[in-house]
N, C-alpha and C. Protein backbone atom coordinates (compact mmCIF):
# COMPACT_ATOMS: atom_id res chain seq x y z
N MET A 1 0.81 -1.19 0.00
CA MET A 1 0.00 0.00 0.00
C MET A 1 0.86 1.26 0.00
N SER A 2 2.05 1.18 0.57
CA SER A 2 2.91 2.37 0.61
C SER A 2 3.38 2.76 -0.78
N THR A 3 3.53 1.81 -1.68
CA THR A 3 3.92 2.12 -3.06
C THR A 3 2.84 2.95 -3.74
N TYR A 4 1.60 2.60 -3.48
CA TYR A 4 0.48 3.36 -4.03
C TYR A 4 0.52 4.81 -3.54
N ARG A 5 0.73 4.99 -2.25
CA ARG A 5 0.79 6.34 -1.68
C ARG A 5 1.97 7.12 -2.25
N GLU A 6 3.10 6.45 -2.41
CA GLU A 6 4.27 7.12 -2.99
C GLU A 6 3.98 7.61 -4.40
N GLU A 7 3.34 6.78 -5.19
CA GLU A 7 3.02 7.16 -6.57
C GLU A 7 2.03 8.31 -6.60
N VAL A 8 1.03 8.28 -5.74
CA VAL A 8 0.05 9.36 -5.70
C VAL A 8 0.72 10.66 -5.25
N SER A 9 1.56 10.59 -4.23
CA SER A 9 2.24 11.81 -3.77
C SER A 9 3.20 12.33 -4.84
N ARG A 10 3.85 11.44 -5.56
CA ARG A 10 4.74 11.85 -6.65
C ARG A 10 3.96 12.49 -7.78
N LEU A 11 2.76 11.96 -8.01
CA LEU A 11 1.91 12.50 -9.08
C LEU A 11 1.49 13.94 -8.79
N PHE A 12 1.26 14.26 -7.53
CA PHE A 12 0.81 15.60 -7.16
C PHE A 12 1.92 16.49 -6.61
N SER A 13 3.14 16.07 -6.70
CA SER A 13 4.25 16.89 -6.22
C SER A 13 4.70 17.86 -7.31
N TRP A 14 5.43 18.88 -6.89
CA TRP A 14 5.94 19.89 -7.83
C TRP A 14 7.40 20.10 -7.50
N GLY A 15 8.26 19.68 -8.42
CA GLY A 15 9.69 19.76 -8.17
C GLY A 15 10.42 20.62 -9.19
N VAL A 16 11.72 20.58 -9.11
CA VAL A 16 12.57 21.35 -10.01
C VAL A 16 12.34 20.95 -11.46
N HIS A 17 12.18 19.66 -11.70
CA HIS A 17 11.99 19.21 -13.09
C HIS A 17 10.67 19.72 -13.66
N HIS A 18 9.66 19.93 -12.82
CA HIS A 18 8.40 20.51 -13.30
C HIS A 18 8.61 21.96 -13.73
N ARG A 19 9.32 22.71 -12.90
CA ARG A 19 9.60 24.11 -13.24
C ARG A 19 10.44 24.21 -14.51
N ARG A 20 11.41 23.32 -14.65
CA ARG A 20 12.25 23.32 -15.84
C ARG A 20 11.44 23.03 -17.10
N LEU A 21 10.55 22.03 -17.02
CA LEU A 21 9.70 21.70 -18.17
C LEU A 21 8.78 22.87 -18.50
N LEU A 22 8.17 23.46 -17.49
CA LEU A 22 7.28 24.59 -17.72
C LEU A 22 8.02 25.77 -18.35
N ALA A 23 9.24 26.04 -17.89
CA ALA A 23 10.05 27.13 -18.46
C ALA A 23 10.39 26.84 -19.92
N ARG A 24 10.76 25.61 -20.20
CA ARG A 24 11.10 25.25 -21.59
C ARG A 24 9.89 25.37 -22.51
N LEU A 25 8.76 24.88 -22.06
CA LEU A 25 7.55 24.97 -22.88
C LEU A 25 7.09 26.42 -23.05
N ALA A 26 7.25 27.23 -22.01
CA ALA A 26 6.90 28.65 -22.13
C ALA A 26 7.81 29.35 -23.14
N MET A 27 9.08 29.01 -23.11
CA MET A 27 10.01 29.58 -24.09
C MET A 27 9.62 29.16 -25.51
N VAL A 28 9.30 27.91 -25.70
CA VAL A 28 8.91 27.41 -27.02
C VAL A 28 7.66 28.13 -27.50
N LEU A 29 6.67 28.25 -26.63
CA LEU A 29 5.43 28.91 -27.03
C LEU A 29 5.62 30.39 -27.33
N SER A 30 6.39 31.08 -26.50
CA SER A 30 6.57 32.51 -26.74
C SER A 30 7.42 32.77 -27.98
N LEU A 31 8.47 31.99 -28.18
CA LEU A 31 9.29 32.16 -29.39
C LEU A 31 8.51 31.79 -30.65
N THR A 32 7.68 30.76 -30.55
CA THR A 32 6.87 30.37 -31.71
C THR A 32 5.84 31.44 -32.04
N ALA A 33 5.25 32.07 -31.02
CA ALA A 33 4.32 33.18 -31.26
C ALA A 33 5.05 34.34 -31.94
N PHE A 34 6.28 34.61 -31.53
CA PHE A 34 7.07 35.67 -32.15
C PHE A 34 7.38 35.33 -33.62
N VAL A 35 7.78 34.09 -33.87
CA VAL A 35 8.05 33.64 -35.25
C VAL A 35 6.78 33.73 -36.08
N ASP A 36 5.65 33.35 -35.50
CA ASP A 36 4.37 33.43 -36.20
C ASP A 36 4.05 34.88 -36.58
N LEU A 37 4.25 35.79 -35.65
CA LEU A 37 3.99 37.21 -35.92
C LEU A 37 4.92 37.74 -37.01
N CYS A 38 6.21 37.45 -36.89
CA CYS A 38 7.17 37.91 -37.92
C CYS A 38 6.84 37.30 -39.28
N GLY A 39 6.53 36.01 -39.30
CA GLY A 39 6.16 35.35 -40.55
C GLY A 39 4.92 35.94 -41.16
N THR A 40 3.97 36.29 -40.33
CA THR A 40 2.73 36.91 -40.82
C THR A 40 3.02 38.22 -41.52
N VAL A 41 3.86 39.05 -40.92
CA VAL A 41 4.21 40.34 -41.52
C VAL A 41 4.93 40.14 -42.85
N VAL A 42 5.91 39.25 -42.87
CA VAL A 42 6.67 39.02 -44.11
C VAL A 42 5.77 38.45 -45.20
N ILE A 43 4.97 37.45 -44.88
CA ILE A 43 4.09 36.84 -45.88
C ILE A 43 3.07 37.86 -46.39
N TYR A 44 2.53 38.65 -45.51
CA TYR A 44 1.54 39.65 -45.94
C TYR A 44 2.15 40.62 -46.94
N PHE A 45 3.30 41.20 -46.61
CA PHE A 45 3.90 42.19 -47.51
C PHE A 45 4.47 41.55 -48.77
N ALA A 46 4.88 40.31 -48.70
CA ALA A 46 5.42 39.64 -49.89
C ALA A 46 4.32 39.16 -50.84
N GLU A 47 3.20 38.74 -50.30
CA GLU A 47 2.19 38.05 -51.12
C GLU A 47 0.97 38.88 -51.48
N ARG A 48 0.69 39.95 -50.78
CA ARG A 48 -0.61 40.62 -50.94
C ARG A 48 -0.88 41.13 -52.35
N HIS A 49 0.13 41.51 -53.10
CA HIS A 49 -0.09 42.03 -54.45
C HIS A 49 0.37 41.09 -55.55
N ALA A 50 0.77 39.87 -55.18
CA ALA A 50 1.21 38.91 -56.20
C ALA A 50 0.01 38.44 -57.02
N ALA A 51 0.23 38.27 -58.32
CA ALA A 51 -0.85 37.83 -59.21
C ALA A 51 -1.25 36.40 -58.87
N GLY A 52 -2.55 36.20 -58.64
CA GLY A 52 -3.08 34.86 -58.37
C GLY A 52 -2.94 34.40 -56.93
N THR A 53 -2.50 35.27 -56.05
CA THR A 53 -2.31 34.88 -54.65
C THR A 53 -3.65 34.70 -53.94
N GLU A 54 -3.66 33.84 -52.94
CA GLU A 54 -4.83 33.68 -52.08
C GLU A 54 -4.62 34.42 -50.76
N ILE A 55 -3.44 34.99 -50.59
CA ILE A 55 -3.12 35.71 -49.35
C ILE A 55 -3.22 37.20 -49.65
N THR A 56 -4.37 37.77 -49.29
CA THR A 56 -4.61 39.18 -49.62
C THR A 56 -4.85 40.05 -48.40
N SER A 57 -4.91 39.46 -47.22
CA SER A 57 -5.15 40.24 -46.01
C SER A 57 -4.23 39.74 -44.90
N VAL A 58 -4.15 40.53 -43.83
CA VAL A 58 -3.35 40.12 -42.67
C VAL A 58 -3.91 38.83 -42.08
N GLY A 59 -5.22 38.69 -42.07
CA GLY A 59 -5.85 37.46 -41.58
C GLY A 59 -5.43 36.24 -42.38
N ASP A 60 -5.39 36.39 -43.72
CA ASP A 60 -4.93 35.29 -44.58
C ASP A 60 -3.48 34.93 -44.26
N ALA A 61 -2.66 35.96 -44.08
CA ALA A 61 -1.24 35.73 -43.79
C ALA A 61 -1.06 35.06 -42.43
N LEU A 62 -1.81 35.52 -41.44
CA LEU A 62 -1.74 34.91 -40.11
C LEU A 62 -2.21 33.46 -40.15
N PHE A 63 -3.29 33.21 -40.85
CA PHE A 63 -3.79 31.85 -40.99
C PHE A 63 -2.75 30.97 -41.65
N PHE A 64 -2.15 31.46 -42.73
CA PHE A 64 -1.14 30.68 -43.44
C PHE A 64 0.04 30.35 -42.53
N THR A 65 0.60 31.34 -41.86
CA THR A 65 1.80 31.09 -41.04
C THR A 65 1.48 30.18 -39.86
N THR A 66 0.33 30.37 -39.24
CA THR A 66 -0.04 29.52 -38.10
C THR A 66 -0.24 28.08 -38.54
N VAL A 67 -0.90 27.88 -39.67
CA VAL A 67 -1.10 26.52 -40.19
C VAL A 67 0.25 25.89 -40.54
N GLN A 68 1.15 26.66 -41.12
CA GLN A 68 2.47 26.12 -41.45
C GLN A 68 3.20 25.68 -40.19
N LEU A 69 3.11 26.46 -39.13
CA LEU A 69 3.80 26.12 -37.88
C LEU A 69 3.17 24.92 -37.19
N LEU A 70 1.87 24.74 -37.35
CA LEU A 70 1.19 23.64 -36.68
C LEU A 70 1.22 22.34 -37.46
N THR A 71 1.20 22.41 -38.77
CA THR A 71 1.10 21.19 -39.57
C THR A 71 2.37 20.83 -40.31
N VAL A 72 3.33 21.72 -40.39
CA VAL A 72 4.57 21.53 -41.14
C VAL A 72 4.25 21.14 -42.58
N SER A 73 4.16 22.13 -43.41
CA SER A 73 3.99 21.96 -44.85
C SER A 73 2.58 21.65 -45.28
N SER A 74 1.66 22.45 -44.88
CA SER A 74 0.31 22.37 -45.41
C SER A 74 0.35 22.85 -46.86
N GLN A 75 -0.45 22.29 -47.70
CA GLN A 75 -0.51 22.71 -49.11
C GLN A 75 -1.54 23.80 -49.31
N LEU A 76 -1.98 24.39 -48.23
CA LEU A 76 -2.99 25.44 -48.26
C LEU A 76 -2.33 26.78 -48.59
N LYS A 77 -2.83 27.45 -49.61
CA LYS A 77 -2.38 28.80 -49.95
C LYS A 77 -0.86 28.89 -50.10
N ASN A 78 -0.31 28.15 -51.01
CA ASN A 78 1.14 28.21 -51.22
C ASN A 78 1.55 29.60 -51.67
N PRO A 79 2.65 30.10 -51.11
CA PRO A 79 3.12 31.43 -51.51
C PRO A 79 3.65 31.41 -52.95
N LEU A 80 3.52 32.54 -53.63
CA LEU A 80 3.92 32.64 -55.03
C LEU A 80 5.24 33.38 -55.21
N THR A 81 5.56 34.29 -54.31
CA THR A 81 6.78 35.07 -54.47
C THR A 81 7.99 34.33 -53.88
N THR A 82 9.17 34.75 -54.30
CA THR A 82 10.39 34.15 -53.77
C THR A 82 10.52 34.39 -52.27
N VAL A 83 10.25 35.61 -51.84
CA VAL A 83 10.31 35.93 -50.41
C VAL A 83 9.30 35.07 -49.64
N GLY A 84 8.12 34.91 -50.19
CA GLY A 84 7.10 34.09 -49.55
C GLY A 84 7.51 32.64 -49.44
N ARG A 85 8.13 32.12 -50.48
CA ARG A 85 8.58 30.72 -50.45
C ARG A 85 9.72 30.51 -49.48
N VAL A 86 10.65 31.46 -49.42
CA VAL A 86 11.75 31.35 -48.46
C VAL A 86 11.19 31.42 -47.03
N THR A 87 10.25 32.32 -46.80
CA THR A 87 9.62 32.42 -45.49
C THR A 87 8.89 31.12 -45.15
N ASP A 88 8.24 30.53 -46.13
CA ASP A 88 7.55 29.24 -45.93
C ASP A 88 8.53 28.17 -45.47
N VAL A 89 9.69 28.10 -46.10
CA VAL A 89 10.71 27.13 -45.72
C VAL A 89 11.22 27.40 -44.31
N VAL A 90 11.42 28.67 -43.98
CA VAL A 90 11.87 29.03 -42.62
C VAL A 90 10.82 28.60 -41.60
N LEU A 91 9.54 28.84 -41.90
CA LEU A 91 8.47 28.43 -40.99
C LEU A 91 8.45 26.91 -40.81
N GLU A 92 8.62 26.17 -41.89
CA GLU A 92 8.66 24.71 -41.80
C GLU A 92 9.87 24.25 -40.99
N PHE A 93 11.01 24.86 -41.22
CA PHE A 93 12.22 24.53 -40.48
C PHE A 93 12.01 24.78 -38.98
N TRP A 94 11.42 25.92 -38.65
CA TRP A 94 11.14 26.24 -37.25
C TRP A 94 10.20 25.20 -36.64
N ALA A 95 9.15 24.85 -37.38
CA ALA A 95 8.18 23.88 -36.86
C ALA A 95 8.84 22.54 -36.57
N VAL A 96 9.71 22.09 -37.45
CA VAL A 96 10.40 20.82 -37.23
C VAL A 96 11.32 20.92 -36.01
N LEU A 97 12.06 22.01 -35.90
CA LEU A 97 12.96 22.17 -34.75
C LEU A 97 12.18 22.28 -33.45
N VAL A 98 11.08 23.00 -33.46
CA VAL A 98 10.29 23.18 -32.24
C VAL A 98 9.65 21.86 -31.83
N VAL A 99 9.13 21.12 -32.79
CA VAL A 99 8.52 19.83 -32.46
C VAL A 99 9.58 18.90 -31.86
N ALA A 100 10.74 18.85 -32.47
CA ALA A 100 11.81 18.01 -31.93
C ALA A 100 12.28 18.51 -30.57
N GLY A 101 12.40 19.82 -30.43
CA GLY A 101 12.83 20.38 -29.15
C GLY A 101 11.82 20.15 -28.04
N SER A 102 10.54 20.29 -28.37
CA SER A 102 9.50 20.05 -27.37
C SER A 102 9.47 18.58 -26.97
N ALA A 103 9.62 17.72 -27.94
CA ALA A 103 9.65 16.28 -27.63
C ALA A 103 10.87 15.96 -26.76
N GLY A 104 11.99 16.60 -27.05
CA GLY A 104 13.18 16.39 -26.23
C GLY A 104 12.99 16.89 -24.81
N ALA A 105 12.32 18.03 -24.65
CA ALA A 105 12.05 18.56 -23.31
C ALA A 105 11.14 17.62 -22.54
N MET A 106 10.14 17.08 -23.22
CA MET A 106 9.23 16.14 -22.56
C MET A 106 9.97 14.85 -22.20
N ALA A 107 10.80 14.35 -23.10
CA ALA A 107 11.55 13.13 -22.83
C ALA A 107 12.49 13.33 -21.65
N ASP A 108 13.15 14.48 -21.61
CA ASP A 108 14.05 14.79 -20.49
C ASP A 108 13.27 14.86 -19.19
N PHE A 109 12.09 15.45 -19.23
CA PHE A 109 11.24 15.54 -18.04
C PHE A 109 10.91 14.15 -17.50
N PHE A 110 10.44 13.28 -18.37
CA PHE A 110 10.04 11.94 -17.92
C PHE A 110 11.25 11.09 -17.54
N GLN A 111 12.35 11.25 -18.25
CA GLN A 111 13.56 10.49 -17.91
C GLN A 111 14.09 10.91 -16.54
N ASN A 112 14.16 12.21 -16.29
CA ASN A 112 14.64 12.69 -15.00
C ASN A 112 13.68 12.32 -13.88
N ALA A 113 12.39 12.37 -14.15
CA ALA A 113 11.41 12.01 -13.13
C ALA A 113 11.55 10.54 -12.76
N ARG A 114 11.81 9.71 -13.76
CA ARG A 114 11.94 8.27 -13.51
C ARG A 114 13.22 7.95 -12.76
N THR A 115 14.33 8.59 -13.14
CA THR A 115 15.60 8.26 -12.50
C THR A 115 15.72 8.87 -11.10
N THR A 116 15.08 10.00 -10.86
CA THR A 116 15.19 10.60 -9.51
C THR A 116 14.21 9.97 -8.53
N SER A 117 13.20 9.26 -9.02
CA SER A 117 12.23 8.68 -8.12
C SER A 117 12.68 7.32 -7.58
N ARG A 118 13.75 6.79 -8.11
CA ARG A 118 14.20 5.46 -7.67
C ARG A 118 15.25 5.55 -6.63
């Protein structure tokens, strides 16, 4: 029965590794929001007057950049200009790095929690 109590107390405890994980995830979220905002501005100014573009407003640009960051390479509203395409690649690169970094932070959290609890 004591093992059960230990697990429950561990489940509801708050340690250094929790603060570290929260800090890492907060950094990822805030930096990704900044990248999203910068990407939105670049895509809007690069694409708004391109012939045949589907990105004609700030809302379209924000939607495009957010979808790119969340799905990594959505085929929705592909940019037509060179600047837009380079920005698209940068957004995809960021999304891949952030996904890998977030997964690494989570893995580190669970690995440290497992090794320190024994």
